[in-house]
C-alpha cells in the first residue's frame, strides 16, 4: 500500500500518513488546526512486514483503510512519567 507522509509545522515529531497525496478530506478539521501547515515529507510503500521507526506498519495500514489517515504522535518524554514525591 502506498502512503504519503506529512509533518506538522506546529508540533515537532507529529506526522500524518495519508493514502492519497494531498487528500486531507478524511482528516478532522481540529486535527488540521493542531498540525498547522502539513509539509510533505515522503512517499512510502507500506507492507505489514515493513519496519517503521516509531509506528507499527500494520496499525498504519489499518488506520489508512479504516479512517483514511494515521496520526503518528511524538515520542513520550520520560521525564513527564516521573513522579515527584515530597
C-alpha atoms as a PDB file:
ATOM      1  CA  UNK A   1       0.000   0.000   0.000  1.00  0.00           C
ATOM      2  CA  UNK A   2       1.359   3.387  -0.969  1.00  0.00           C
ATOM      3  CA  UNK A   3       1.117   6.206   1.582  1.00  0.00           C
ATOM      4  CA  UNK A   4       2.163   9.836   1.826  1.00  0.00           C
ATOM      5  CA  UNK A   5       3.689  11.305   4.968  1.00  0.00           C
ATOM      6  CA  UNK A   6       3.365  14.902   6.162  1.00  0.00           C
ATOM      7  CA  UNK A   7       4.935  16.624   9.159  1.00  0.00           C
ATOM      8  CA  UNK A   8       3.325  19.235  11.348  1.00  0.00           C
ATOM      9  CA  UNK A   9       4.536  22.826  11.316  1.00  0.00           C
ATOM     10  CA  UNK A  10       3.287  23.330  14.895  1.00  0.00           C
ATOM     11  CA  UNK A  11       4.095  20.100  16.737  1.00  0.00           C
ATOM     12  CA  UNK A  12       7.573  18.640  16.498  1.00  0.00           C
ATOM     13  CA  UNK A  13       7.683  14.948  15.535  1.00  0.00           C
ATOM     14  CA  UNK A  14       3.945  14.812  14.718  1.00  0.00           C
ATOM     15  CA  UNK A  15       3.357  13.046  11.400  1.00  0.00           C
ATOM     16  CA  UNK A  16       0.241  12.398   9.337  1.00  0.00           C
ATOM     17  CA  UNK A  17       0.030   9.440   6.938  1.00  0.00           C
ATOM     18  CA  UNK A  18      -2.446   9.609   4.040  1.00  0.00           C
ATOM     19  CA  UNK A  19      -3.431   7.021   1.415  1.00  0.00           C
ATOM     20  CA  UNK A  20      -3.635   9.685  -1.334  1.00  0.00           C
ATOM     21  CA  UNK A  21      -1.221  12.555  -1.829  1.00  0.00           C
ATOM     22  CA  UNK A  22      -2.562  15.931  -0.685  1.00  0.00           C
ATOM     23  CA  UNK A  23      -6.038  14.475   0.049  1.00  0.00           C
ATOM     24  CA  UNK A  24      -6.911  15.728   3.538  1.00  0.00           C
ATOM     25  CA  UNK A  25     -10.687  15.196   3.131  1.00  0.00           C
ATOM     26  CA  UNK A  26     -10.891  12.485   5.832  1.00  0.00           C
ATOM     27  CA  UNK A  27      -8.757  14.366   8.373  1.00  0.00           C
ATOM     28  CA  UNK A  28     -10.843  16.137  11.044  1.00  0.00           C
ATOM     29  CA  UNK A  29     -10.623  19.940  10.940  1.00  0.00           C
ATOM     30  CA  UNK A  30      -9.487  20.116  14.580  1.00  0.00           C
ATOM     31  CA  UNK A  31      -6.546  17.853  13.767  1.00  0.00           C
ATOM     32  CA  UNK A  32      -5.566  20.012  10.807  1.00  0.00           C
ATOM     33  CA  UNK A  33      -5.709  23.089  13.072  1.00  0.00           C
ATOM     34  CA  UNK A  34      -3.475  21.338  15.605  1.00  0.00           C
ATOM     35  CA  UNK A  35      -0.982  20.342  12.901  1.00  0.00           C
ATOM     36  CA  UNK A  36      -0.774  23.725  11.252  1.00  0.00           C
ATOM     37  CA  UNK A  37       0.694  23.508   7.771  1.00  0.00           C
ATOM     38  CA  UNK A  38       1.173  19.891   6.718  1.00  0.00           C
ATOM     39  CA  UNK A  39       4.512  19.742   4.911  1.00  0.00           C
ATOM     40  CA  UNK A  40       5.045  16.788   2.569  1.00  0.00           C
ATOM     41  CA  UNK A  41       7.944  14.603   3.706  1.00  0.00           C
ATOM     42  CA  UNK A  42       7.909  11.434   1.613  1.00  0.00           C
ATOM     43  CA  UNK A  43       6.055   8.742  -0.287  1.00  0.00           C
ATOM     44  CA  UNK A  44       6.345   5.228   1.140  1.00  0.00           C
ATOM     45  CA  UNK A  45       5.312   1.730   0.079  1.00  0.00           C
ATOM     46  CA  UNK A  46       3.869   0.044   3.176  1.00  0.00           C
ATOM     47  CA  UNK A  47       3.582  -3.674   3.825  1.00  0.00           C
ATOM     48  CA  UNK A  48       2.722  -5.328   7.163  1.00  0.00           C
ATOM     49  CA  UNK A  49       6.322  -6.586   7.337  1.00  0.00           C
ATOM     50  CA  UNK A  50       7.933  -3.190   6.761  1.00  0.00           C
ATOM     51  CA  UNK A  51       9.764  -1.780   9.777  1.00  0.00           C
ATOM     52  CA  UNK A  52       8.999   1.830  10.659  1.00  0.00           C
ATOM     53  CA  UNK A  53      10.919   3.948  13.156  1.00  0.00           C
ATOM     54  CA  UNK A  54       8.087   4.735  15.590  1.00  0.00           C
ATOM     55  CA  UNK A  55       4.933   3.103  14.285  1.00  0.00           C
ATOM     56  CA  UNK A  56       3.698  -0.402  13.603  1.00  0.00           C
ATOM     57  CA  UNK A  57       3.141  -0.724   9.856  1.00  0.00           C
ATOM     58  CA  UNK A  58       0.074  -2.956  10.341  1.00  0.00           C
ATOM     59  CA  UNK A  59      -1.515  -0.253  12.550  1.00  0.00           C
ATOM     60  CA  UNK A  60      -0.697   2.425   9.977  1.00  0.00           C
ATOM     61  CA  UNK A  61      -2.276   0.357   7.188  1.00  0.00           C
ATOM     62  CA  UNK A  62      -5.379  -0.305   9.323  1.00  0.00           C
ATOM     63  CA  UNK A  63      -5.738   3.414  10.108  1.00  0.00           C
ATOM     64  CA  UNK A  64      -5.403   4.361   6.456  1.00  0.00           C
ATOM     65  CA  UNK A  65      -8.029   1.808   5.429  1.00  0.00           C
ATOM     66  CA  UNK A  66     -10.489   2.422   8.294  1.00  0.00           C
ATOM     67  CA  UNK A  67     -10.187   6.179   8.930  1.00  0.00           C
ATOM     68  CA  UNK A  68      -8.492   7.486   5.814  1.00  0.00           C
ATOM     69  CA  UNK A  69      -5.433   8.682   7.766  1.00  0.00           C
ATOM     70  CA  UNK A  70      -2.990   7.670  10.506  1.00  0.00           C
ATOM     71  CA  UNK A  71      -1.522  10.067  13.057  1.00  0.00           C
ATOM     72  CA  UNK A  72       1.946   9.338  14.446  1.00  0.00           C
ATOM     73  CA  UNK A  73       2.341  11.102  17.767  1.00  0.00           C
ATOM     74  CA  UNK A  74       5.646  12.445  19.111  1.00  0.00           C
ATOM     75  CA  UNK A  75       7.502  10.095  21.467  1.00  0.00           C
ATOM     76  CA  UNK A  76       6.648  10.394  25.132  1.00  0.00           C
ATOM     77  CA  UNK A  77       9.006  12.411  27.287  1.00  0.00           C
ATOM     78  CA  UNK A  78      10.263  10.041  30.017  1.00  0.00           C
ATOM     79  CA  UNK A  79      10.605  12.989  32.402  1.00  0.00           C
ATOM     80  CA  UNK A  80       6.835  13.517  32.241  1.00  0.00           C
ATOM     81  CA  UNK A  81       6.354   9.973  33.531  1.00  0.00           C
ATOM     82  CA  UNK A  82       8.445  10.603  36.644  1.00  0.00           C
ATOM     83  CA  UNK A  83       6.505  11.225  39.823  1.00  0.00           C
ATOM     84  CA  UNK A  84       7.863  13.705  42.328  1.00  0.00           C
ATOM     85  CA  UNK A  85       7.068  12.726  45.891  1.00  0.00           C
ATOM     86  CA  UNK A  86       7.607  15.038  48.840  1.00  0.00           C
END
